[in-house]
Every structure is written in structure tokens, then in C-alpha cells.
Amino acid sequence: MAITFGAGISIGKVLAGVQLPSPLVTTATALSTSSSAVTFVPVVSPCHPPVKSYIVTASPGCITTVVSANTTTAVVTGLTQGQTYTFTVRANNAFETGKVSNASVPVTQTTVPGAPTIGTATLSGSTGAIVTFTPPASNGGSAITSYTVTSSPGGITASGSSSPITVNGLNGSTTYTFRVTATSSIGTSSASTASNSISTPAPTVSSIKYLVVAGGGGGGYGNCCPGGGGGGAGGMLNGCITITPGTLYTVTVGAGGNGNYNGTTHGCGSSISGLGLSATGGGAGQTYGGSFSSIKNGGSGGGAAVTLYSSGSSGCGIAGQGYAGGSSTCMFAQRSGGGGGGAGGVGGNSTHTSNCKGGGTGGIGRQSNVTGSCVYYAGGGGGGSGGNNCGHAQYCYQAQGGNGGGGAGGKMTSSVTATAGACGTANTGGGGGGGGGAGAVGQGYRGGNGGKGVVILSYSDSYATATSYACGCYNHNTSAHLHVYTFNKSGSFKI
């Protein structure tokens, strides 16, 4: 059916009696203490002229904002801080203003605080920073309850109710900046700008690992047919100890004992002054017919040799530093020395069977990981193998030194010849090997010299290097993260 209008009558005038529908308010959110955003679903009505704008009204106060028809979010300004508002929306076209929408949820004009203004950061001790700041110009309509300072790098935080705030637990040798945020019941502000930078010092060393090894004892002289006893290893001390930063400590590194013809000697002690660390030199290996009682004892004991036609007695070690030397059994055709004691075990006894004759093996040393790797130190010297001119040299074996630098013992090579004992390894404190013995009258073979001692210190490379280390050698073990200082001779250090 066709509808006809008279002259001057439009469709808009015909529908004027049917009011424009209302939009649908969906959300309302405070943007600041004086503004809120209102979101709505627009009017869709084909039977009405196009919507030209929307009127958003805040209540109480009847504060309005007009937005264009193609907008679905309106920002209402001029609101009062702390006041609670609801919002409604009406559509407007060329002929009328539409129905009022539903009211929004109540919105109180508060928001998160503004960002604080950063002040200065200053170092506090070696691992802390004091950070100052100014409160923000706006608290967002709600009281600020706390401030938080955050470091960069690391994200280390500290909170407080006012400026200044101290941040603790910073790492040494690191450069930091800081930012501050403010928090209220509404939420947390954006961060301030970054502070000035500060650098923390390297942390202070409070304890170190240590290895103190004394010089090894000299091996006994192979006097005619009897072989000499092996030299005892230098005493060994290994562990961790507290130090006083800035203190100069003196290091003494002991020499190894002699294994010469003119008299075998024990090793010399090694120590670190001021720390109570003192290792005793290794005992000397016994020589046939020689004076032995005053030099056989030590950090580890020297090995025994026969005296005339009786068995000798080995030297004793010191508890916590080393072990006793091995014994020697006197037999007419075979007279070999006992092994020197090591830091990790006693020296071996000489062996006398029909087809196996020789000195005792050196006592095993002990491992230390002070350098970041496990290494043996302070092995005892092997006993010298000997016999008379009927001693059956073909059955003699060479006694090995203990693992940890002990020298091998000499051995009878014929009825009239033998070899000298090997020296202990330098800077391990290994005992010297006993000299071999042969049947020729007056024929003798010297024992090996004891190995020189060593002192090694180490600590984490998260700390600074030592202030001084006179006569020491420095190595940075990057894989083990250690500063390592090795003293092969006497010197000093300060950390």
C-alpha cells in the first residue's frame, strides 16, 4: 500500500511522534581525578533520520559532553576529585534528542598516582644505595601508601613510606641506576626517570682456600749393599681459613732435604705467618750405619734401612700432616729400604722373597683442589733396593715414589753396581728416593733430594685481585672462577 504525504510534509515530521531510541552504556572508567571515559553501543534505527551526535551526561552536576555520531567512547572532563558519578547517553538527530540510556556503574574520580620525581642515588656501604625522590604532584585522588625503588640491573627492590629509601643486597663491582614508583589503593604509578648511576666496590674477601706443603726429606744413602730408606714427604695442610683484609701475610716455602753422600737431611718447613699454618719438613730416609734418630721424623716419616745386621726403625709423621715411613727387614742377601711416608698413607715395607726383592714404595700423597683442579702433593720417596754380591740383581725391582711427587728408589743392577735414588718433584714436597745398594765394598749410591715445598692460595673471582703478592705467581682460573696465587719460594701477600 502506498503512503502519500501532502505538500511540505517529510518522513521526519511524520515520525516525530516516535522518539529516537537510546544507546546502551557499557563501561565507565576514571581516567584521572577530573575525567572519565564512557563507552556505549550506538543507536541503529533505519526508521529515523541519521544520528548526528551523542550527548553524555554526568550526574550529579549535569556535566555534559557532546561527541560525533561515529564515536562510541566519550571523555567527560571537568569532574570533581573524589566525587562519585554515573553517566547516561542520548542520541541526537536533525529533529530530536532521543531517549536516555541506562546509567553506568558508579565511578569515583580517582586513579593511580602520578610518577614520583627522582632525586639522587648515593652509595651506602659496599652493597647498598640511598635513593631520594619527591612525591608526585597528584596522588590520583587516593592516599599514597608506599613507594618502591627498583635497581637496574638486577631488579633489586626496596619499599618505604617516604624518601629516602635504602636498597640493600647489591652485587659488588656493578654500576646501578634506580627508578621509583608510587602505590595507592587504586594501583601503582608509572616509574620515575632513572637516577644517576653509582658503582659498587668489589666485595671484601673474608676467607681463602690454602695449601701449605713443606719440603720433602732426602732419601737415604745406599751404603755398600744395603739400600737407603725413602725420604718422607713434607707435611701438608689443606683447607679454608678466615683472613683479615688489608693484612700483609708472610709466606715461607721450605726447601727439600739433601740425599747426598755427606749426610742425609730432612726437609724444611713451610708456613703462613699470622694464620697459624705451619707444615713440618719431611723426615730423612735412613742410611745404613748412619745417625738417623734425630732426622727420621717429620711431616711424614722417613723410611727405614738396615743397621749392620738388624732392621732399622722408620720415622713417624705428624697427625694431620703425614704418615710414618715403611720398615726394612734385614736379610743377608737382600737389604732394601722402606718407603718414605706420604701425606695420604704410610710408606711401604721392603720386600724379600726368593724372586722379588726391593725397597718399599713411597706413601701416597693427598689431593688438593686449591687451584680448581685435583692434584696430588706430598708423596713419599721409594726405598732403595740393595743386596750383597750374591743378591741376585735380576730379582731386584725399583720401588716407586708415592703419587704426589715422591722420587723412585735406586736399585741394584749387578753384584757391584746400583742406581741413585730419584729426587722428589720440585714444589710438591715429595720425598727423595733411597739410594740403591750393591755388594762391592765401599760402593754406595746417593739418595734423591727431597722436593721443595709450595704454598698456594685461592678465592672466588667475584672479589678483587690481591693488593700485593710478592714472589707469588697469579693465575685466573676462569672455568673454576678462582683467583689463584702460587708461591714456589718465600714471599708475602695482602688481599
Protein backbone atom coordinates (compact mmCIF):
# COMPACT_ATOMS: atom_id res chain seq x y z
CA MET A 1 0.00 0.00 0.00
CA ALA A 2 1.44 3.41 -0.94
CA ILE A 3 1.55 6.27 1.56
CA THR A 4 1.18 9.76 0.19
CA PHE A 5 2.10 12.96 2.09
CA GLY A 6 0.85 16.38 1.39
CA ALA A 7 2.97 19.24 0.19
CA GLY A 8 5.68 20.29 2.73
CA ILE A 9 5.34 17.15 4.87
CA SER A 10 8.53 14.97 5.31
CA ILE A 11 9.08 11.49 6.69
CA GLY A 12 10.98 13.05 9.62
CA LYS A 13 7.91 15.09 10.52
CA VAL A 14 5.72 12.05 10.22
CA LEU A 15 7.99 10.07 12.67
CA ALA A 16 8.41 12.98 15.03
CA GLY A 17 5.90 11.39 17.29
CA VAL A 18 8.11 8.23 17.63
CA GLN A 19 11.10 9.13 19.89
CA LEU A 20 14.64 8.19 18.84
CA PRO A 21 15.83 5.03 20.74
CA SER A 22 18.52 5.19 23.44
CA PRO A 23 22.14 3.96 23.21
CA LEU A 24 23.43 1.25 25.58
CA VAL A 25 26.12 2.31 28.08
CA THR A 26 28.64 -0.49 28.61
CA THR A 27 31.58 0.87 30.67
CA ALA A 28 32.68 3.94 32.58
CA THR A 29 36.25 4.33 33.88
CA ALA A 30 38.05 7.13 35.70
CA LEU A 31 40.99 8.42 33.66
CA SER A 32 42.13 10.99 36.18
CA THR A 33 40.78 12.86 39.18
CA SER A 34 38.75 15.10 36.82
CA SER A 35 37.89 12.95 33.80
CA SER A 36 36.25 9.63 32.94
CA ALA A 37 35.82 7.60 29.76
CA VAL A 38 32.31 6.36 28.90
CA THR A 39 31.79 3.63 26.27
CA PHE A 40 28.40 2.88 24.69
CA VAL A 41 26.67 0.97 21.87
CA PRO A 42 25.35 3.44 19.27
CA VAL A 43 21.73 3.76 18.09
CA VAL A 44 20.74 1.82 14.97
CA SER A 45 17.25 2.85 13.74
CA PRO A 46 16.52 2.77 9.96
CA CYS A 47 13.13 4.39 10.60
CA HIS A 48 14.68 7.61 11.93
CA PRO A 49 16.88 10.23 10.35
CA PRO A 50 20.61 9.65 10.90
CA VAL A 51 22.10 10.34 14.30
CA LYS A 52 24.35 13.42 14.21
CA SER A 53 25.81 13.31 17.73
CA TYR A 54 25.60 11.84 21.22
CA ILE A 55 25.21 13.76 24.47
CA VAL A 56 26.94 12.21 27.52
CA THR A 57 25.79 13.49 30.90
CA ALA A 58 27.48 13.07 34.29
CA SER A 59 25.33 13.02 37.43
CA PRO A 60 25.33 14.76 39.83
CA GLY A 61 26.16 18.13 38.34
CA CYS A 62 24.64 17.56 34.91
CA ILE A 63 28.05 17.92 33.26
CA THR A 64 27.73 17.16 29.54
CA THR A 65 29.99 16.26 26.68
CA VAL A 66 28.91 16.03 23.03
CA VAL A 67 30.65 13.65 20.63
CA SER A 68 30.13 12.90 16.93
CA ALA A 69 27.93 10.14 15.64
CA ASN A 70 30.82 7.93 14.60
CA THR A 71 32.25 7.83 18.16
CA THR A 72 31.46 5.15 20.71
CA THR A 73 33.70 6.42 23.54
CA ALA A 74 33.37 9.84 25.14
CA VAL A 75 35.73 11.51 27.64
CA VAL A 76 33.88 13.63 30.16
CA THR A 77 36.01 16.36 31.76
CA GLY A 78 35.52 18.93 34.48
CA LEU A 79 34.63 16.36 37.12
CA THR A 80 35.39 16.80 40.81
CA GLN A 81 38.10 14.75 42.53
CA GLY A 82 36.68 12.24 44.99
CA GLN A 83 33.09 12.65 43.65
CA THR A 84 31.19 9.53 42.52
CA TYR A 85 29.36 9.86 39.20
CA THR A 86 27.05 7.87 36.94
CA PHE A 87 26.82 8.55 33.22
CA THR A 88 23.97 8.42 30.68
CA VAL A 89 23.92 8.92 26.89
CA ARG A 90 21.29 10.28 24.46
CA ALA A 91 21.37 10.27 20.67
CA ASN A 92 20.59 13.43 18.68
CA ASN A 93 19.48 13.84 15.04
CA ALA A 94 18.18 16.76 12.96
CA PHE A 95 14.77 16.64 14.54
CA GLU A 96 15.04 15.45 18.11
CA THR A 97 17.04 14.16 21.08
CA GLY A 98 16.47 10.50 21.80
CA LYS A 99 15.64 8.57 24.90
CA VAL A 100 18.05 8.50 27.88
CA SER A 101 20.24 5.40 28.11
CA ASN A 102 20.78 3.18 31.08
CA ALA A 103 23.03 4.66 33.80
CA SER A 104 26.64 3.47 34.01
CA VAL A 105 28.10 1.87 37.07
CA PRO A 106 29.18 4.44 39.67
CA VAL A 107 32.67 5.82 39.10
CA THR A 108 34.70 7.65 41.74
CA GLN A 109 37.11 10.19 40.32
CA THR A 110 40.37 8.56 41.45
CA THR A 111 43.26 6.97 39.52
CA VAL A 112 46.78 5.70 40.09
CA PRO A 113 49.23 8.28 41.40
CA GLY A 114 51.50 10.23 39.12
CA ALA A 115 55.13 9.21 38.79
CA PRO A 116 57.46 10.43 41.57
CA THR A 117 60.33 12.77 40.67
CA ILE A 118 63.70 11.08 41.08
CA GLY A 119 66.36 12.68 43.25
CA THR A 120 69.85 11.26 43.78
CA ALA A 121 71.35 7.85 44.45
CA THR A 122 74.37 7.55 46.75
CA LEU A 123 76.39 4.52 47.83
CA SER A 124 75.63 3.08 51.29
CA GLY A 125 78.42 0.82 52.47
CA SER A 126 79.64 -1.59 49.81
CA THR A 127 76.34 -3.27 48.86
CA GLY A 128 73.65 -0.63 49.40
CA ALA A 129 72.28 2.60 47.87
CA ILE A 130 70.29 5.50 49.36
CA VAL A 131 67.75 6.86 46.85
CA THR A 132 65.90 10.18 47.31
CA PHE A 133 62.78 11.34 45.43
CA THR A 134 59.87 13.81 45.51
CA PRO A 135 56.22 12.66 45.75
CA PRO A 136 54.13 13.08 42.59
CA ALA A 137 52.08 16.25 42.03
CA SER A 138 48.90 14.13 42.06
CA ASN A 139 48.07 11.17 44.22
CA GLY A 140 45.24 10.20 41.87
CA GLY A 141 42.58 11.01 44.43
CA SER A 142 43.66 8.30 46.84
CA ALA A 143 46.38 8.47 49.50
CA ILE A 144 49.77 7.02 48.52
CA THR A 145 50.53 4.07 50.78
CA SER A 146 54.10 3.22 49.71
CA TYR A 147 56.97 3.90 47.35
CA THR A 148 59.16 1.25 45.70
CA VAL A 149 62.71 1.71 44.42
CA THR A 150 63.96 -0.76 41.78
CA SER A 151 67.56 -1.22 40.65
CA SER A 152 68.83 -1.73 37.14
CA PRO A 153 70.36 -4.19 36.52
CA GLY A 154 69.11 -6.93 38.80
CA GLY A 155 65.61 -5.67 39.65
CA ILE A 156 66.51 -5.47 43.35
CA THR A 157 63.72 -3.63 45.20
CA ALA A 158 63.09 -1.86 48.47
CA SER A 159 59.92 -0.10 49.70
CA GLY A 160 59.10 2.62 52.17
CA SER A 161 56.53 5.27 53.06
CA SER A 162 58.68 8.27 52.21
CA SER A 163 62.01 9.46 50.82
CA PRO A 164 64.80 8.35 51.14
CA ILE A 165 64.71 4.59 50.68
CA THR A 166 67.78 2.33 51.07
CA VAL A 167 68.25 -0.59 48.69
CA ASN A 168 70.47 -3.37 50.06
CA GLY A 169 71.89 -6.58 48.59
CA LEU A 170 73.57 -5.05 45.55
CA ASN A 171 76.36 -7.00 43.88
CA GLY A 172 79.95 -5.84 44.03
CA SER A 173 81.77 -4.32 41.05
CA THR A 174 78.47 -3.32 39.38
CA THR A 175 77.09 0.00 38.10
CA TYR A 176 73.43 0.68 39.00
CA THR A 177 70.65 3.20 38.34
CA PHE A 178 67.29 3.35 40.14
CA ARG A 179 63.63 4.22 39.43
CA VAL A 180 60.78 4.91 41.87
CA THR A 181 57.03 4.14 41.73
CA ALA A 182 54.17 5.24 43.98
CA THR A 183 51.34 2.94 45.08
CA SER A 184 47.83 3.72 46.40
CA SER A 185 44.72 1.65 46.90
CA ILE A 186 43.93 2.26 43.24
CA GLY A 187 47.21 0.90 41.87
CA THR A 188 50.85 1.70 41.08
CA SER A 189 52.14 4.66 39.11
CA SER A 190 54.44 4.59 36.16
CA ALA A 191 58.14 4.68 37.07
CA SER A 192 60.15 7.82 37.50
CA THR A 193 63.04 8.64 35.25
CA ALA A 194 66.32 6.85 36.05
CA SER A 195 68.59 8.16 38.78
CA ASN A 196 72.24 8.97 38.42
CA SER A 197 74.50 5.90 38.25
CA ILE A 198 76.57 4.57 41.15
CA SER A 199 79.20 1.81 41.16
CA THR A 200 79.62 -0.66 44.00
CA PRO A 201 83.14 -1.64 45.06
CA ALA A 202 84.47 -5.15 44.75
CA PRO A 203 83.39 -7.23 47.77
CA THR A 204 85.84 -7.89 50.58
CA VAL A 205 87.41 -11.33 50.88
CA SER A 206 86.82 -12.90 54.30
CA SER A 207 88.22 -16.40 53.76
CA ILE A 208 90.57 -18.19 51.39
CA LYS A 209 91.48 -21.72 50.40
CA TYR A 210 95.04 -22.70 51.21
CA LEU A 211 97.60 -25.40 50.55
CA VAL A 212 100.82 -25.42 52.60
CA VAL A 213 103.35 -28.16 51.81
CA ALA A 214 106.78 -28.38 53.44
CA GLY A 215 109.94 -29.63 51.75
CA GLY A 216 110.33 -33.40 51.39
CA GLY A 217 113.06 -35.34 53.21
CA GLY A 218 116.15 -36.55 51.37
CA GLY A 219 116.43 -40.24 50.50
CA GLY A 220 118.90 -42.38 52.47
CA TYR A 221 122.32 -43.14 51.02
CA GLY A 222 122.82 -46.65 49.65
CA ASN A 223 125.90 -47.59 51.60
CA CYS A 224 127.55 -50.66 50.09
CA CYS A 225 125.00 -53.46 49.91
CA PRO A 226 122.03 -52.01 51.90
CA GLY A 227 119.68 -49.67 50.04
CA GLY A 228 118.68 -46.38 51.70
CA GLY A 229 115.23 -45.60 53.11
CA GLY A 230 112.92 -43.31 51.12
CA GLY A 231 112.56 -39.71 52.26
CA GLY A 232 109.32 -38.76 53.97
CA ALA A 233 107.06 -36.25 52.23
CA GLY A 234 106.78 -32.72 53.55
CA GLY A 235 103.89 -32.10 55.90
CA MET A 236 100.70 -30.99 54.08
CA LEU A 237 97.96 -28.67 55.30
CA ASN A 238 94.92 -28.02 53.14
CA GLY A 239 91.61 -26.26 53.80
CA CYS A 240 89.87 -22.88 54.23
CA ILE A 241 90.71 -20.15 56.71
CA THR A 242 89.47 -16.68 57.67
CA ILE A 243 91.74 -13.75 56.90
CA THR A 244 91.79 -10.08 57.84
CA PRO A 245 91.54 -7.92 54.67
CA GLY A 246 94.40 -5.47 54.25
CA THR A 247 96.81 -7.52 56.39
CA LEU A 248 100.21 -8.42 54.98
CA TYR A 249 100.94 -12.12 55.47
CA THR A 250 104.41 -13.63 55.11
CA VAL A 251 104.85 -16.90 53.22
CA THR A 252 107.74 -19.28 53.86
CA VAL A 253 108.38 -22.12 51.40
CA GLY A 254 110.61 -24.91 52.74
CA ALA A 255 113.49 -26.46 50.79
CA GLY A 256 113.78 -30.20 50.26
CA GLY A 257 116.30 -32.22 52.28
CA ASN A 258 119.57 -33.48 50.82
CA GLY A 259 120.19 -37.07 49.86
CA ASN A 260 123.95 -36.73 49.31
CA TYR A 261 126.94 -38.76 50.41
CA ASN A 262 127.85 -36.38 53.20
CA GLY A 263 124.72 -36.81 55.24
CA THR A 264 121.03 -37.04 54.51
CA THR A 265 118.82 -34.22 55.85
CA HIS A 266 115.14 -33.73 56.48
CA GLY A 267 113.07 -31.15 54.62
CA CYS A 268 112.41 -27.59 55.81
CA GLY A 269 109.04 -26.31 56.97
CA SER A 270 106.56 -24.10 55.07
CA SER A 271 104.21 -21.63 56.72
CA ILE A 272 101.96 -18.56 56.50
CA SER A 273 102.59 -16.15 59.35
CA GLY A 274 99.62 -14.83 61.25
CA LEU A 275 97.31 -17.67 60.22
CA GLY A 276 98.72 -20.43 62.40
CA LEU A 277 99.57 -22.55 59.37
CA SER A 278 102.92 -24.32 59.70
CA ALA A 279 103.81 -27.58 57.93
CA THR A 280 106.83 -29.60 59.10
CA GLY A 281 109.53 -30.78 56.71
CA GLY A 282 109.60 -34.45 55.73
CA GLY A 283 111.78 -36.89 57.66
CA ALA A 284 115.00 -38.13 56.07
CA GLY A 285 115.37 -41.66 54.76
CA GLN A 286 117.70 -43.83 56.86
CA THR A 287 121.25 -44.62 55.75
CA TYR A 288 123.00 -47.88 56.65
CA GLY A 289 125.16 -47.22 59.67
CA GLY A 290 124.23 -43.53 59.81
CA SER A 291 122.74 -41.48 62.62
CA PHE A 292 119.04 -41.43 61.98
CA SER A 293 117.06 -40.89 65.18
CA SER A 294 117.21 -37.07 65.02
CA ILE A 295 116.14 -36.66 61.39
CA LYS A 296 113.79 -39.55 60.56
CA ASN A 297 110.64 -37.92 61.96
CA GLY A 298 108.83 -35.14 60.15
CA GLY A 299 105.61 -34.11 58.44
CA SER A 300 105.80 -37.61 57.03
CA GLY A 301 108.38 -40.06 58.39
CA GLY A 302 111.43 -41.30 56.56
CA GLY A 303 111.74 -44.92 55.52
CA ALA A 304 113.98 -47.31 57.49
CA ALA A 305 117.20 -49.01 56.36
CA VAL A 306 119.07 -51.93 57.92
CA THR A 307 121.70 -51.12 60.50
CA LEU A 308 124.54 -53.63 60.38
CA TYR A 309 122.68 -56.92 60.70
CA SER A 310 119.45 -55.69 62.22
CA SER A 311 116.35 -53.98 60.87
CA GLY A 312 116.08 -50.19 61.23
CA SER A 313 113.14 -48.21 62.55
CA SER A 314 111.19 -45.84 60.37
CA GLY A 315 110.33 -42.22 61.13
CA CYS A 316 106.95 -41.01 62.37
CA GLY A 317 104.68 -38.49 60.71
CA ILE A 318 102.65 -35.69 62.33
CA ALA A 319 98.91 -36.19 62.68
CA GLY A 320 97.04 -34.11 60.12
CA GLN A 321 100.18 -33.62 58.01
CA GLY A 322 101.51 -37.04 57.02
CA TYR A 323 102.19 -40.70 57.82
CA ALA A 324 105.07 -42.88 59.01
CA GLY A 325 107.73 -44.41 56.79
CA GLY A 326 107.95 -48.11 55.94
CA SER A 327 110.21 -50.67 57.61
CA SER A 328 113.19 -52.64 56.33
CA THR A 329 113.78 -56.31 57.05
CA CYS A 330 117.40 -57.42 57.32
CA MET A 331 118.35 -60.48 55.29
CA PHE A 332 121.89 -61.48 54.39
CA ALA A 333 121.43 -61.43 50.62
CA GLN A 334 118.87 -58.67 50.38
CA ARG A 335 118.89 -55.41 52.28
CA SER A 336 116.41 -52.83 50.93
CA GLY A 337 115.00 -49.66 52.46
CA GLY A 338 111.43 -48.90 53.44
CA GLY A 339 109.43 -46.26 51.57
CA GLY A 340 109.04 -42.77 52.97
CA GLY A 341 105.65 -41.84 54.38
CA GLY A 342 103.27 -39.68 52.34
CA ALA A 343 100.61 -37.14 53.25
CA GLY A 344 97.95 -39.70 52.39
CA GLY A 345 99.41 -43.00 53.57
CA VAL A 346 102.31 -44.88 55.21
CA GLY A 347 105.41 -45.87 53.29
CA GLY A 348 105.62 -49.44 52.04
CA ASN A 349 107.82 -52.07 53.71
CA SER A 350 110.72 -53.59 51.81
CA THR A 351 110.08 -56.95 50.12
CA HIS A 352 112.35 -60.02 50.41
CA THR A 353 111.25 -63.16 48.61
CA SER A 354 113.25 -65.57 46.50
CA ASN A 355 112.39 -63.88 43.23
CA CYS A 356 111.11 -60.44 44.29
CA LYS A 357 113.42 -58.16 46.19
CA GLY A 358 113.28 -54.42 46.66
CA GLY A 359 112.50 -51.31 48.65
CA GLY A 360 109.10 -50.24 49.89
CA THR A 361 107.01 -47.93 47.73
CA GLY A 362 106.59 -44.35 48.84
CA GLY A 363 103.44 -43.48 50.74
CA ILE A 364 100.73 -41.91 48.61
CA GLY A 365 100.25 -38.16 48.74
CA ARG A 366 97.00 -36.31 49.17
CA GLN A 367 94.83 -34.41 46.69
CA SER A 368 94.05 -30.70 46.84
CA ASN A 369 91.69 -28.70 44.62
CA VAL A 370 93.03 -25.32 45.73
CA THR A 371 93.84 -24.41 42.11
CA GLY A 372 90.45 -25.56 40.83
CA SER A 373 91.78 -28.95 39.71
CA CYS A 374 92.51 -32.00 41.87
CA VAL A 375 96.28 -32.54 42.14
CA TYR A 376 98.32 -34.85 44.37
CA TYR A 377 101.04 -33.41 46.59
CA ALA A 378 103.47 -34.76 49.22
CA GLY A 379 104.16 -38.33 48.09
CA GLY A 380 106.84 -40.33 49.94
CA GLY A 381 110.10 -41.42 48.32
CA GLY A 382 110.57 -45.06 47.33
CA GLY A 383 113.05 -47.17 49.31
CA GLY A 384 116.37 -48.12 47.71
CA SER A 385 116.78 -51.75 46.64
CA GLY A 386 120.08 -53.43 47.56
CA GLY A 387 121.90 -56.64 48.38
CA ASN A 388 125.32 -58.24 48.70
CA ASN A 389 127.23 -59.69 45.78
CA CYS A 390 125.00 -62.74 45.95
CA GLY A 391 121.92 -60.57 45.99
CA HIS A 392 120.58 -61.74 42.66
CA ALA A 393 120.22 -58.34 40.97
CA GLN A 394 117.90 -59.83 38.39
CA TYR A 395 115.23 -60.14 41.03
CA CYS A 396 115.52 -56.55 42.25
CA TYR A 397 112.85 -54.07 41.31
CA GLN A 398 112.78 -50.28 41.57
CA ALA A 399 110.43 -49.02 44.28
CA GLN A 400 108.24 -46.23 43.00
CA GLY A 401 107.69 -42.96 44.78
CA GLY A 402 104.25 -42.16 46.13
CA ASN A 403 101.75 -40.33 43.91
CA GLY A 404 102.36 -36.66 44.68
CA GLY A 405 105.95 -36.10 43.66
CA GLY A 406 107.78 -38.86 45.55
CA GLY A 407 111.08 -39.89 43.94
CA ALA A 408 111.66 -43.52 42.93
CA GLY A 409 114.23 -45.52 44.89
CA GLY A 410 117.51 -46.64 43.32
CA LYS A 411 118.10 -50.34 42.66
CA MET A 412 120.84 -52.91 42.49
CA THR A 413 121.70 -53.51 38.82
CA SER A 414 124.50 -56.04 39.27
CA SER A 415 126.52 -57.56 42.06
CA VAL A 416 128.71 -54.46 42.07
CA THR A 417 126.52 -51.63 40.72
CA ALA A 418 123.29 -49.84 41.58
CA THR A 419 121.47 -46.59 40.73
CA ALA A 420 120.92 -43.49 42.80
CA GLY A 421 117.53 -42.55 44.18
CA ALA A 422 115.44 -40.06 42.20
CA CYS A 423 114.75 -36.62 43.57
CA GLY A 424 111.29 -35.65 44.75
CA THR A 425 109.41 -33.39 42.34
CA ALA A 426 110.01 -29.71 42.97
CA ASN A 427 107.16 -27.75 44.59
CA THR A 428 105.23 -30.85 45.61
CA GLY A 429 107.09 -31.66 48.83
CA GLY A 430 107.76 -35.18 47.55
CA GLY A 431 110.34 -37.28 49.41
CA GLY A 432 113.57 -38.28 47.71
CA GLY A 433 114.09 -41.91 46.72
CA GLY A 434 116.56 -44.04 48.71
CA GLY A 435 119.83 -44.85 47.02
CA GLY A 436 120.36 -48.37 45.67
CA GLY A 437 122.90 -50.70 47.27
CA ALA A 438 125.37 -53.13 45.69
CA GLY A 439 127.73 -55.75 47.05
CA ALA A 440 131.03 -54.08 46.24
CA VAL A 441 132.75 -52.97 49.40
CA GLY A 442 132.74 -49.19 49.68
CA GLN A 443 130.43 -48.80 46.71
CA GLY A 444 127.44 -46.58 47.55
CA TYR A 445 124.77 -44.62 45.71
CA ARG A 446 123.20 -41.44 46.93
CA GLY A 447 119.57 -40.90 47.74
CA GLY A 448 117.50 -38.34 45.87
CA ASN A 449 116.93 -34.84 47.24
CA GLY A 450 113.52 -34.07 48.62
CA GLY A 451 111.22 -31.90 46.55
CA LYS A 452 110.82 -28.26 47.53
CA GLY A 453 107.56 -27.30 49.22
CA VAL A 454 104.83 -24.97 47.94
CA VAL A 455 102.17 -22.59 49.24
CA ILE A 456 99.02 -21.95 47.15
CA LEU A 457 96.10 -19.63 47.93
CA SER A 458 92.82 -19.15 46.08
CA TYR A 459 89.43 -17.46 46.38
CA SER A 460 86.42 -16.58 44.23
CA ASP A 461 86.97 -14.24 41.30
CA SER A 462 83.85 -12.33 42.32
CA TYR A 463 86.31 -10.49 44.59
CA ALA A 464 89.12 -8.17 43.57
CA THR A 465 92.60 -9.50 42.98
CA ALA A 466 95.18 -9.32 45.77
CA THR A 467 96.65 -5.92 46.61
CA SER A 468 100.13 -7.46 46.55
CA TYR A 469 101.73 -10.89 46.17
CA ALA A 470 105.49 -10.59 46.32
CA CYS A 471 107.30 -13.59 44.79
CA GLY A 472 103.99 -15.29 44.02
CA CYS A 473 102.60 -16.24 40.60
CA TYR A 474 98.99 -15.27 39.75
CA ASN A 475 96.62 -17.30 37.61
CA HIS A 476 92.97 -16.55 36.88
CA ASN A 477 91.18 -19.89 36.57
CA THR A 478 88.15 -18.68 34.63
CA SER A 479 86.48 -22.10 34.44
CA ALA A 480 86.62 -22.54 38.22
CA HIS A 481 86.09 -18.80 38.86
CA LEU A 482 89.13 -18.57 41.09
CA HIS A 483 91.98 -16.16 41.71
CA VAL A 484 94.99 -18.48 42.32
CA TYR A 485 98.32 -17.42 43.84
CA THR A 486 101.20 -19.93 43.83
CA PHE A 487 104.35 -19.40 45.90
CA ASN A 488 107.27 -21.58 44.80
CA LYS A 489 109.54 -19.52 47.00
CA SER A 490 109.10 -17.39 50.10
CA GLY A 491 107.22 -14.12 49.73
CA SER A 492 104.15 -12.27 51.02
CA PHE A 493 100.59 -11.35 50.09
CA LYS A 494 97.87 -8.87 51.00
CA ILE A 495 94.20 -9.16 49.99
